[in-house]
Amino acid sequence: MYRVPDQTGKFAVVTGANSGIGKEAARRLAAAGARVVLAVRTVAKGEQARDEILAAHPGAALEVRRIDLADLSSVRDFADGLLAAGTPVDLLVNNAGVMAPPRRMATADGFELQMGSNYLGPFALTVRLLPLLLSAEAARVTTMSSKMADFGRIRFDDLQWERRRYSPGLSYAQSKLADLILARRLADTAAERGWRLMSNAAHPGATRTNLQTAGPGLGGGRPSPLYRMMASVNVVPFQEVEQGTEPLLYAATSPDAVAGGYYGPGGRFGLTGPTTEAKVTRRALDGAVGARLWSESERLTGVALPAPAV
């Protein structure tokens, strides 16, 4: 099992920390000495997660704060709260997400739910928190992607699935490809501007969490027959959350992780097993796509990078 290095004195923000991989990441970061903000949509669930972590680690420094990544005003309020406190952020873990709702749903800002929650919300949060990240000694931003990113394509003519027939799986794949592009584009920007900031990404392979069940039940819909069949049989190998969290923790804390790196399970098909460097799909390597996606994200969210220092 990956052992998180000493995090004493570090301040971490983990989104989606009330369950699954986010909760496990928060637990292990706190156990290693970090002060951790559990950034959650439902405060009561965040408080329950905090209490469960404290039961195992009574000395953990944990704080619950509300954020709804499907609502840019909530993202702004969350970031403003941290900015007002002024504490440098050593680690931002963009983990929260939603997977495969059966019908097209929209965020508070009118974005398709998966593109909005999984990508545009984290994009806006990351850019808004840059002042605190850049005031840290050596900050990291680690963003959760997915093996499904390999099947994704950024369709600039219809990012929000308003013209095409909605596909739960392909919409999820697009959002997770966008996350991988975000991580790499931010790493390039940090290098160009000389920032003391490492941006990288991870994927959990096939890890058993409530992500696979919560999304398909959203909106009162029913998962597709194919999804129900796959959920009822062991089509692919699964691993438990303790193992599935390790690529994320490695990217976020390992002294061997690198800027622009991508980490995931090293076992069969990249779905289970110990952490290794993951292959980056060629669609995430296209610099023109990355630049265009960043520009479009700034336009859609109204959040932009500060001007380069002269």
Foldseek 3Di string as FASTA:
>chain_A
DDQFAQPAPAEEEFEPCLWFLNVLLLLRNQQSHYQYEYEYADQVSVVVSVVVSCVVVVPGHYHYDYAQQLDLVRLVVVLVVCVVVPAAHQEYEAEDFAAQAPAFDHGPLGAGRRLRNQALSVLQNVQSNVVSPQVDPAHEYEYEAAPLLLVEDCDVVCLRCPPPHDDRSRNNNNNRVNRLLSQQVVLVVCVVQVGSYAGEYEYLAAEDICNLVVRHPPPNHHHDPVSVVCVVDCPDDYDYRNQSSVQRSCCGGPPPHGHSWYKAADDDPRRGHHIDTDDRRVNSVDPVVSVVSLVVSCVSSVRDHDDRDD
